[in-house]
């Protein structure tokens, strides 16, 4: 992992695994700060590890614009369902992806891009999750989970290509 890029981007997202916090930064000012839940297995790059990858990424796609809050996604497509208690009871083991998806692509060849460490092909997202699930503690399968209102606010504040730095 290279740490900081040669020239820090003006606007980027910083995700701290230790703090379980995502910050939107612009010109060295924190514009927004949100609790998140990263992987219960900790940090790691390898496919199948269910770990959150470290290093520099970019948002390769924004998915879910104009979908209702709590919209359910499977395979990055809205199912037409809205998450609620009845749906949760019907599918208790489902790893819910709700409201919005920011699909990440690694930028560091051999570390989080290409081969067995490619974040995009590991389907690493920043996404909404059921609001009753805890944020502020590691619990995901590798993605960065957020409360639904928070992920919608973040989604509306970033564009494809926005840099994302995930650090220990």
N, C-alpha and C. Protein backbone atom coordinates (compact mmCIF):
# COMPACT_ATOMS: atom_id res chain seq x y z
N UNK A 1 0.85 -1.17 0.00
CA UNK A 1 0.00 0.00 0.00
C UNK A 1 0.89 1.23 0.00
N UNK A 2 0.55 2.17 -0.83
CA UNK A 2 1.39 3.35 -0.99
C UNK A 2 1.11 4.43 0.05
N UNK A 3 -0.04 4.39 0.73
CA UNK A 3 -0.37 5.45 1.69
C UNK A 3 -1.05 6.60 0.98
N UNK A 4 -0.43 7.77 1.04
CA UNK A 4 -1.02 8.94 0.39
C UNK A 4 -0.61 8.98 -1.07
N UNK A 5 -1.50 9.44 -1.95
CA UNK A 5 -1.12 9.56 -3.36
C UNK A 5 -0.12 10.70 -3.51
N UNK A 6 0.62 10.73 -4.63
CA UNK A 6 1.61 11.78 -4.83
C UNK A 6 1.02 13.18 -4.66
N UNK A 7 -0.16 13.39 -5.18
CA UNK A 7 -0.85 14.67 -5.00
C UNK A 7 -2.24 14.34 -4.49
N UNK A 8 -2.56 14.74 -3.28
CA UNK A 8 -3.87 14.43 -2.71
C UNK A 8 -4.97 15.02 -3.57
N UNK A 9 -5.99 14.22 -3.86
CA UNK A 9 -7.12 14.77 -4.62
C UNK A 9 -7.84 15.81 -3.79
N UNK A 10 -8.47 16.76 -4.46
CA UNK A 10 -9.19 17.82 -3.74
C UNK A 10 -10.33 17.23 -2.91
N UNK A 11 -11.13 16.37 -3.51
CA UNK A 11 -12.25 15.74 -2.80
C UNK A 11 -12.03 14.24 -2.82
N UNK A 12 -12.06 13.64 -1.64
CA UNK A 12 -11.93 12.19 -1.56
C UNK A 12 -12.62 11.68 -0.30
N UNK A 13 -12.78 10.37 -0.25
CA UNK A 13 -13.38 9.69 0.89
C UNK A 13 -12.25 8.98 1.63
N UNK A 14 -12.20 9.13 2.94
CA UNK A 14 -11.25 8.40 3.78
C UNK A 14 -12.04 7.50 4.72
N UNK A 15 -11.67 6.23 4.76
CA UNK A 15 -12.35 5.26 5.61
C UNK A 15 -11.32 4.68 6.58
N UNK A 16 -11.57 4.86 7.86
CA UNK A 16 -10.68 4.35 8.91
C UNK A 16 -11.28 3.07 9.50
N UNK A 17 -10.55 1.96 9.35
CA UNK A 17 -11.01 0.71 9.93
C UNK A 17 -10.95 0.76 11.46
N UNK A 18 -9.92 1.40 12.01
CA UNK A 18 -9.79 1.48 13.47
C UNK A 18 -10.94 2.27 14.09
N UNK A 19 -11.33 3.34 13.43
CA UNK A 19 -12.41 4.18 13.95
C UNK A 19 -13.79 3.75 13.47
N UNK A 20 -13.84 2.89 12.44
CA UNK A 20 -15.12 2.52 11.82
C UNK A 20 -15.86 3.80 11.42
N UNK A 21 -15.16 4.65 10.66
CA UNK A 21 -15.69 5.95 10.28
C UNK A 21 -15.28 6.29 8.86
N UNK A 22 -16.22 6.87 8.12
CA UNK A 22 -16.00 7.36 6.77
C UNK A 22 -16.09 8.88 6.81
N UNK A 23 -15.12 9.53 6.17
CA UNK A 23 -15.13 10.99 6.10
C UNK A 23 -15.05 11.42 4.65
N UNK A 24 -15.88 12.38 4.28
CA UNK A 24 -15.80 13.03 2.97
C UNK A 24 -14.96 14.28 3.17
N UNK A 25 -13.84 14.36 2.45
CA UNK A 25 -12.88 15.44 2.63
C UNK A 25 -12.77 16.25 1.34
N UNK A 26 -12.74 17.55 1.48
CA UNK A 26 -12.57 18.45 0.34
C UNK A 26 -11.61 19.55 0.74
N UNK A 27 -10.50 19.67 0.00
CA UNK A 27 -9.48 20.69 0.31
C UNK A 27 -9.10 20.66 1.79
N UNK A 28 -8.83 19.47 2.31
CA UNK A 28 -8.39 19.25 3.70
C UNK A 28 -9.45 19.60 4.75
N UNK A 29 -10.69 19.82 4.33
CA UNK A 29 -11.80 20.06 5.27
C UNK A 29 -12.71 18.85 5.27
N UNK A 30 -13.13 18.43 6.46
CA UNK A 30 -14.09 17.33 6.57
C UNK A 30 -15.47 17.90 6.33
N UNK A 31 -16.08 17.47 5.22
CA UNK A 31 -17.42 17.94 4.87
C UNK A 31 -18.50 17.13 5.58
N UNK A 32 -18.21 15.84 5.78
CA UNK A 32 -19.18 14.94 6.41
C UNK A 32 -18.42 13.79 7.04
N UNK A 33 -18.99 13.23 8.09
CA UNK A 33 -18.40 12.09 8.79
C UNK A 33 -19.52 11.15 9.20
N UNK A 34 -19.33 9.86 8.91
CA UNK A 34 -20.38 8.87 9.16
C UNK A 34 -19.80 7.63 9.83
N UNK A 35 -20.56 7.01 10.73
CA UNK A 35 -20.14 5.70 11.24
C UNK A 35 -20.38 4.66 10.14
N UNK A 36 -19.49 3.67 10.08
CA UNK A 36 -19.62 2.59 9.10
C UNK A 36 -19.36 1.26 9.78
N UNK A 37 -19.62 0.21 9.05
CA UNK A 37 -19.26 -1.14 9.49
C UNK A 37 -18.44 -1.76 8.37
N UNK A 38 -17.19 -2.08 8.67
CA UNK A 38 -16.33 -2.76 7.70
C UNK A 38 -16.30 -4.25 8.07
N UNK A 39 -15.41 -5.00 7.46
CA UNK A 39 -15.42 -6.46 7.58
C UNK A 39 -15.16 -6.97 8.99
N UNK A 40 -15.96 -7.94 9.40
CA UNK A 40 -15.73 -8.60 10.69
C UNK A 40 -14.42 -9.37 10.67
N UNK A 41 -13.92 -9.74 9.46
CA UNK A 41 -12.65 -10.45 9.33
C UNK A 41 -11.45 -9.51 9.27
N UNK A 42 -11.67 -8.21 9.37
CA UNK A 42 -10.58 -7.25 9.35
C UNK A 42 -10.16 -6.85 7.96
N UNK A 43 -8.93 -6.36 7.85
CA UNK A 43 -8.39 -5.87 6.59
C UNK A 43 -7.75 -7.00 5.81
N UNK A 44 -7.92 -6.97 4.50
CA UNK A 44 -7.28 -7.96 3.64
C UNK A 44 -7.67 -7.76 2.20
N UNK A 45 -6.83 -8.22 1.32
CA UNK A 45 -6.99 -7.96 -0.10
C UNK A 45 -7.53 -9.14 -0.89
N UNK A 46 -7.35 -10.37 -0.41
CA UNK A 46 -7.56 -11.55 -1.23
C UNK A 46 -9.02 -11.88 -1.48
N UNK A 47 -9.29 -12.32 -2.68
CA UNK A 47 -10.60 -12.81 -3.08
C UNK A 47 -11.00 -13.95 -2.13
N UNK A 48 -12.25 -13.94 -1.68
CA UNK A 48 -12.75 -14.99 -0.80
C UNK A 48 -12.44 -14.78 0.67
N UNK A 49 -11.70 -13.74 1.02
CA UNK A 49 -11.30 -13.52 2.41
C UNK A 49 -12.39 -12.91 3.28
N UNK A 50 -13.38 -12.28 2.65
CA UNK A 50 -14.41 -11.51 3.36
C UNK A 50 -13.77 -10.44 4.24
N UNK A 51 -12.67 -9.86 3.76
CA UNK A 51 -11.98 -8.76 4.43
C UNK A 51 -12.19 -7.48 3.64
N UNK A 52 -12.05 -6.34 4.32
CA UNK A 52 -12.11 -5.05 3.65
C UNK A 52 -10.72 -4.72 3.10
N UNK A 53 -10.65 -4.41 1.79
CA UNK A 53 -9.35 -4.11 1.20
C UNK A 53 -8.84 -2.73 1.57
N UNK A 54 -7.54 -2.62 1.73
CA UNK A 54 -6.89 -1.36 2.06
C UNK A 54 -6.42 -0.66 0.79
N UNK A 55 -5.98 0.59 0.96
CA UNK A 55 -5.33 1.33 -0.12
C UNK A 55 -6.26 2.27 -0.85
N UNK A 56 -5.73 2.77 -1.97
CA UNK A 56 -6.46 3.74 -2.80
C UNK A 56 -7.36 3.03 -3.80
N UNK A 57 -8.59 3.51 -3.83
CA UNK A 57 -9.62 3.03 -4.74
C UNK A 57 -10.24 4.24 -5.42
N UNK A 58 -11.10 3.98 -6.38
CA UNK A 58 -11.96 5.04 -6.91
C UNK A 58 -13.36 4.46 -7.05
N UNK A 59 -14.32 5.36 -7.11
CA UNK A 59 -15.70 4.93 -7.33
C UNK A 59 -15.82 4.63 -8.82
N UNK A 60 -16.00 3.35 -9.14
CA UNK A 60 -16.11 2.96 -10.55
C UNK A 60 -17.54 3.09 -11.06
N UNK A 61 -18.52 3.04 -10.15
CA UNK A 61 -19.92 3.18 -10.56
C UNK A 61 -20.77 3.62 -9.37
N UNK A 62 -21.75 4.46 -9.65
CA UNK A 62 -22.77 4.86 -8.68
C UNK A 62 -24.06 4.19 -9.13
N UNK A 63 -24.64 3.39 -8.25
CA UNK A 63 -25.81 2.59 -8.62
C UNK A 63 -26.96 2.88 -7.67
N UNK A 64 -28.13 3.14 -8.24
CA UNK A 64 -29.32 3.31 -7.42
C UNK A 64 -29.89 4.71 -7.38
N UNK A 65 -29.37 5.58 -8.22
CA UNK A 65 -29.89 6.94 -8.25
C UNK A 65 -31.41 6.92 -8.40
N UNK A 66 -32.09 7.68 -7.61
CA UNK A 66 -33.55 7.84 -7.65
C UNK A 66 -34.33 6.64 -7.12
N UNK A 67 -33.65 5.64 -6.59
CA UNK A 67 -34.38 4.53 -5.95
C UNK A 67 -34.86 5.00 -4.57
N UNK A 68 -35.93 4.40 -4.09
CA UNK A 68 -36.46 4.73 -2.76
C UNK A 68 -35.49 4.28 -1.68
N UNK A 69 -35.53 4.95 -0.55
CA UNK A 69 -34.74 4.50 0.59
C UNK A 69 -35.17 3.08 0.95
N UNK A 70 -34.21 2.24 1.31
CA UNK A 70 -34.42 0.82 1.64
C UNK A 70 -34.73 -0.06 0.43
N UNK A 71 -34.54 0.46 -0.79
CA UNK A 71 -34.67 -0.39 -1.98
C UNK A 71 -33.64 -1.52 -1.89
N UNK A 72 -34.04 -2.71 -2.29
CA UNK A 72 -33.19 -3.90 -2.22
C UNK A 72 -32.49 -4.10 -3.56
N UNK A 73 -31.18 -4.40 -3.48
CA UNK A 73 -30.38 -4.70 -4.67
C UNK A 73 -29.83 -6.12 -4.58
N UNK A 74 -29.87 -6.81 -5.71
CA UNK A 74 -29.23 -8.12 -5.84
C UNK A 74 -28.48 -8.08 -7.17
N UNK A 75 -27.20 -8.41 -7.13
CA UNK A 75 -26.39 -8.33 -8.34
C UNK A 75 -26.35 -6.92 -8.92
N UNK A 76 -26.37 -5.91 -8.05
CA UNK A 76 -26.33 -4.50 -8.42
C UNK A 76 -27.57 -4.02 -9.16
N UNK A 77 -28.63 -4.77 -9.08
CA UNK A 77 -29.89 -4.39 -9.74
C UNK A 77 -30.99 -4.27 -8.67
N UNK A 78 -31.82 -3.23 -8.78
CA UNK A 78 -32.94 -3.14 -7.84
C UNK A 78 -33.94 -4.27 -8.10
N UNK A 79 -34.40 -4.89 -7.02
CA UNK A 79 -35.34 -6.01 -7.17
C UNK A 79 -36.79 -5.54 -7.21
N UNK A 80 -37.03 -4.28 -6.85
CA UNK A 80 -38.40 -3.78 -6.72
C UNK A 80 -38.93 -3.93 -5.30
N UNK A 81 -38.16 -4.61 -4.45
CA UNK A 81 -38.56 -4.79 -3.05
C UNK A 81 -38.08 -3.61 -2.22
N UNK A 82 -38.80 -3.36 -1.14
CA UNK A 82 -38.39 -2.38 -0.14
C UNK A 82 -38.18 -3.14 1.16
N UNK A 83 -36.98 -3.01 1.71
CA UNK A 83 -36.64 -3.73 2.94
C UNK A 83 -37.55 -3.30 4.09
N UNK A 84 -38.01 -4.28 4.85
CA UNK A 84 -38.82 -4.04 6.04
C UNK A 84 -38.87 -5.31 6.86
N UNK A 85 -39.57 -5.29 7.99
CA UNK A 85 -39.62 -6.44 8.89
C UNK A 85 -40.11 -7.73 8.23
N UNK A 86 -41.11 -7.64 7.36
CA UNK A 86 -41.64 -8.85 6.72
C UNK A 86 -40.60 -9.47 5.79
N UNK A 87 -39.92 -8.67 5.00
CA UNK A 87 -38.89 -9.17 4.09
C UNK A 87 -37.71 -9.73 4.88
N UNK A 88 -37.35 -9.05 5.96
CA UNK A 88 -36.24 -9.53 6.82
C UNK A 88 -36.57 -10.90 7.41
N UNK A 89 -37.82 -11.10 7.83
CA UNK A 89 -38.23 -12.38 8.41
C UNK A 89 -38.25 -13.48 7.35
N UNK A 90 -38.63 -13.11 6.13
CA UNK A 90 -38.71 -14.08 5.04
C UNK A 90 -37.32 -14.56 4.60
N UNK A 91 -36.32 -13.68 4.67
CA UNK A 91 -34.96 -13.99 4.23
C UNK A 91 -33.96 -13.64 5.32
N UNK A 92 -33.94 -14.36 6.44
CA UNK A 92 -33.12 -13.97 7.59
C UNK A 92 -31.61 -14.04 7.37
N UNK A 93 -31.14 -14.83 6.40
CA UNK A 93 -29.70 -14.98 6.18
C UNK A 93 -29.15 -14.09 5.06
N UNK A 94 -30.01 -13.30 4.44
CA UNK A 94 -29.57 -12.47 3.32
C UNK A 94 -28.64 -11.36 3.79
N UNK A 95 -27.59 -11.10 3.03
CA UNK A 95 -26.69 -9.97 3.27
C UNK A 95 -27.26 -8.80 2.47
N UNK A 96 -28.00 -7.95 3.15
CA UNK A 96 -28.79 -6.91 2.49
C UNK A 96 -27.93 -5.79 1.94
N UNK A 97 -28.19 -5.43 0.69
CA UNK A 97 -27.59 -4.27 0.04
C UNK A 97 -28.75 -3.36 -0.32
N UNK A 98 -28.77 -2.20 0.33
CA UNK A 98 -29.95 -1.34 0.27
C UNK A 98 -29.61 0.09 -0.20
N UNK A 99 -30.60 0.74 -0.76
CA UNK A 99 -30.68 2.18 -1.05
C UNK A 99 -29.74 2.67 -2.14
N UNK A 100 -28.43 2.53 -1.98
CA UNK A 100 -27.44 3.00 -2.95
C UNK A 100 -26.20 2.11 -2.89
N UNK A 101 -25.47 2.07 -4.02
CA UNK A 101 -24.21 1.33 -4.10
C UNK A 101 -23.17 2.25 -4.72
N UNK A 102 -22.02 2.35 -4.06
CA UNK A 102 -20.83 2.96 -4.65
C UNK A 102 -19.84 1.82 -4.83
N UNK A 103 -19.65 1.38 -6.07
CA UNK A 103 -18.81 0.22 -6.39
C UNK A 103 -17.37 0.69 -6.52
N UNK A 104 -16.48 0.08 -5.75
CA UNK A 104 -15.09 0.51 -5.69
C UNK A 104 -14.19 -0.32 -6.61
N UNK A 105 -13.22 0.35 -7.20
CA UNK A 105 -12.18 -0.30 -7.98
C UNK A 105 -10.83 0.09 -7.42
N UNK A 106 -9.96 -0.88 -7.18
CA UNK A 106 -8.63 -0.60 -6.66
C UNK A 106 -7.79 0.15 -7.66
N UNK A 107 -6.86 0.94 -7.16
CA UNK A 107 -5.96 1.73 -8.00
C UNK A 107 -4.50 1.30 -7.91
N UNK A 108 -4.20 0.31 -7.06
CA UNK A 108 -2.81 -0.09 -6.82
C UNK A 108 -2.57 -1.50 -7.36
N UNK A 109 -1.94 -1.55 -8.54
CA UNK A 109 -1.68 -2.82 -9.23
C UNK A 109 -0.95 -3.80 -8.31
N UNK A 110 -1.49 -5.02 -8.24
CA UNK A 110 -0.89 -6.06 -7.42
C UNK A 110 -1.23 -5.99 -5.94
N UNK A 111 -1.85 -4.88 -5.53
CA UNK A 111 -2.23 -4.72 -4.11
C UNK A 111 -3.74 -4.79 -3.95
N UNK A 112 -4.49 -4.00 -4.74
CA UNK A 112 -5.94 -4.05 -4.70
C UNK A 112 -6.55 -4.00 -6.10
N UNK A 113 -5.69 -4.26 -7.09
CA UNK A 113 -6.13 -4.26 -8.48
C UNK A 113 -5.45 -5.41 -9.22
N UNK A 114 -6.23 -6.11 -10.01
CA UNK A 114 -5.81 -7.25 -10.83
C UNK A 114 -5.69 -8.53 -10.01
N UNK A 115 -5.91 -9.63 -10.69
CA UNK A 115 -5.72 -10.95 -10.10
C UNK A 115 -6.60 -11.23 -8.89
N UNK A 116 -6.04 -11.93 -7.94
CA UNK A 116 -6.77 -12.39 -6.75
C UNK A 116 -7.00 -11.29 -5.71
N UNK A 117 -6.55 -10.07 -5.99
CA UNK A 117 -6.71 -8.97 -5.03
C UNK A 117 -7.54 -7.83 -5.60
N UNK A 118 -8.21 -8.02 -6.72
CA UNK A 118 -8.93 -6.95 -7.40
C UNK A 118 -10.23 -6.60 -6.68
N UNK A 119 -10.26 -5.41 -6.10
CA UNK A 119 -11.44 -4.98 -5.32
C UNK A 119 -12.71 -4.92 -6.15
N UNK A 120 -12.61 -4.49 -7.40
CA UNK A 120 -13.81 -4.42 -8.25
C UNK A 120 -14.40 -5.80 -8.48
N UNK A 121 -13.55 -6.78 -8.77
CA UNK A 121 -14.04 -8.12 -9.04
C UNK A 121 -14.34 -8.91 -7.77
N UNK A 122 -13.98 -8.33 -6.62
CA UNK A 122 -14.44 -8.87 -5.34
C UNK A 122 -15.80 -8.26 -4.99
N UNK A 123 -16.27 -7.32 -5.80
CA UNK A 123 -17.54 -6.64 -5.59
C UNK A 123 -17.57 -5.92 -4.25
N UNK A 124 -16.55 -5.09 -4.03
CA UNK A 124 -16.47 -4.30 -2.81
C UNK A 124 -17.23 -2.99 -3.04
N UNK A 125 -18.20 -2.74 -2.17
CA UNK A 125 -19.07 -1.57 -2.28
C UNK A 125 -19.07 -0.78 -0.98
N UNK A 126 -19.46 0.47 -1.10
CA UNK A 126 -20.02 1.25 0.00
C UNK A 126 -21.52 1.20 -0.26
N UNK A 127 -22.28 0.69 0.70
CA UNK A 127 -23.72 0.52 0.44
C UNK A 127 -24.54 0.67 1.71
N UNK A 128 -25.83 0.87 1.52
CA UNK A 128 -26.76 0.91 2.64
C UNK A 128 -27.03 -0.50 3.15
N UNK A 129 -27.40 -0.56 4.43
CA UNK A 129 -27.72 -1.81 5.10
C UNK A 129 -28.90 -1.56 6.03
N UNK A 130 -29.53 -2.61 6.51
CA UNK A 130 -30.64 -2.39 7.45
C UNK A 130 -30.19 -1.48 8.60
N UNK A 131 -30.97 -0.46 8.88
CA UNK A 131 -30.57 0.54 9.88
C UNK A 131 -30.46 -0.03 11.29
N UNK A 132 -31.06 -1.18 11.55
CA UNK A 132 -30.93 -1.76 12.89
C UNK A 132 -29.58 -2.45 13.08
N UNK A 133 -28.87 -2.75 11.98
CA UNK A 133 -27.55 -3.35 12.11
C UNK A 133 -26.58 -2.29 12.64
N UNK A 134 -25.65 -2.71 13.48
CA UNK A 134 -24.77 -1.72 14.11
C UNK A 134 -23.76 -1.14 13.12
N UNK A 135 -23.59 0.16 13.17
CA UNK A 135 -22.47 0.82 12.52
C UNK A 135 -21.52 1.21 13.65
N UNK A 136 -20.26 1.36 13.32
CA UNK A 136 -19.28 1.68 14.35
C UNK A 136 -18.54 0.46 14.86
N UNK A 137 -18.85 -0.71 14.29
CA UNK A 137 -18.13 -1.93 14.65
C UNK A 137 -18.05 -2.84 13.43
N UNK A 138 -16.95 -3.59 13.29
CA UNK A 138 -16.79 -4.47 12.13
C UNK A 138 -17.84 -5.59 12.14
N UNK A 139 -18.55 -5.75 11.03
CA UNK A 139 -19.57 -6.79 10.96
C UNK A 139 -19.89 -7.24 9.53
N UNK A 140 -19.30 -6.60 8.52
CA UNK A 140 -19.67 -6.90 7.14
C UNK A 140 -18.88 -8.08 6.59
N UNK A 141 -19.17 -8.41 5.34
CA UNK A 141 -18.47 -9.49 4.63
C UNK A 141 -17.36 -8.92 3.74
N UNK A 142 -16.95 -7.68 3.98
CA UNK A 142 -15.89 -7.04 3.20
C UNK A 142 -16.25 -5.65 2.73
N UNK A 143 -17.53 -5.43 2.48
CA UNK A 143 -17.98 -4.11 2.03
C UNK A 143 -17.97 -3.11 3.19
N UNK A 144 -18.27 -1.87 2.86
CA UNK A 144 -18.42 -0.80 3.85
C UNK A 144 -19.92 -0.51 3.93
N UNK A 145 -20.51 -0.90 5.04
CA UNK A 145 -21.95 -0.71 5.26
C UNK A 145 -22.20 0.65 5.92
N UNK A 146 -23.31 1.27 5.52
CA UNK A 146 -23.71 2.55 6.10
C UNK A 146 -25.20 2.53 6.38
N UNK A 147 -25.64 3.45 7.26
CA UNK A 147 -27.08 3.67 7.43
C UNK A 147 -27.61 4.24 6.12
N UNK A 148 -28.86 3.96 5.82
CA UNK A 148 -29.43 4.31 4.52
C UNK A 148 -29.47 5.81 4.24
N UNK A 149 -29.89 6.61 5.17
CA UNK A 149 -29.91 8.07 4.94
C UNK A 149 -28.49 8.58 4.71
N UNK A 150 -27.51 8.02 5.42
CA UNK A 150 -26.11 8.43 5.26
C UNK A 150 -25.57 8.08 3.88
N UNK A 151 -25.83 6.86 3.41
CA UNK A 151 -25.29 6.46 2.10
C UNK A 151 -25.94 7.27 0.98
N UNK A 152 -27.21 7.62 1.13
CA UNK A 152 -27.86 8.46 0.12
C UNK A 152 -27.23 9.85 0.10
N UNK A 153 -26.97 10.42 1.27
CA UNK A 153 -26.32 11.74 1.35
C UNK A 153 -24.93 11.70 0.72
N UNK A 154 -24.15 10.66 1.04
CA UNK A 154 -22.82 10.51 0.46
C UNK A 154 -22.90 10.32 -1.05
N UNK A 155 -23.78 9.46 -1.50
CA UNK A 155 -23.99 9.18 -2.92
C UNK A 155 -24.22 10.48 -3.70
N UNK A 156 -25.05 11.35 -3.14
CA UNK A 156 -25.38 12.61 -3.80
C UNK A 156 -24.22 13.61 -3.81
N UNK A 157 -23.19 13.36 -2.97
CA UNK A 157 -22.07 14.29 -2.85
C UNK A 157 -20.84 13.89 -3.65
N UNK A 158 -20.86 12.70 -4.28
CA UNK A 158 -19.67 12.21 -4.99
C UNK A 158 -20.04 11.82 -6.42
N UNK A 159 -19.01 11.74 -7.24
CA UNK A 159 -19.16 11.35 -8.64
C UNK A 159 -18.30 10.12 -8.92
N UNK A 160 -18.58 9.42 -10.03
CA UNK A 160 -17.67 8.35 -10.43
C UNK A 160 -16.25 8.91 -10.57
N UNK A 161 -15.28 8.13 -10.16
CA UNK A 161 -13.89 8.58 -10.21
C UNK A 161 -13.41 9.18 -8.91
N UNK A 162 -14.32 9.52 -8.00
CA UNK A 162 -13.92 10.06 -6.70
C UNK A 162 -12.99 9.04 -6.03
N UNK A 163 -11.89 9.52 -5.48
CA UNK A 163 -10.92 8.64 -4.83
C UNK A 163 -11.41 8.24 -3.44
N UNK A 164 -11.05 7.03 -3.04
CA UNK A 164 -11.41 6.47 -1.74
C UNK A 164 -10.15 5.86 -1.14
N UNK A 165 -9.78 6.33 0.05
CA UNK A 165 -8.61 5.80 0.74
C UNK A 165 -9.09 5.00 1.94
N UNK A 166 -8.84 3.69 1.94
CA UNK A 166 -9.21 2.81 3.04
C UNK A 166 -7.92 2.48 3.80
N UNK A 167 -7.90 2.85 5.06
CA UNK A 167 -6.66 2.69 5.85
C UNK A 167 -6.95 2.04 7.19
N UNK A 168 -5.88 1.41 7.77
CA UNK A 168 -6.09 0.70 9.04
C UNK A 168 -6.56 1.62 10.15
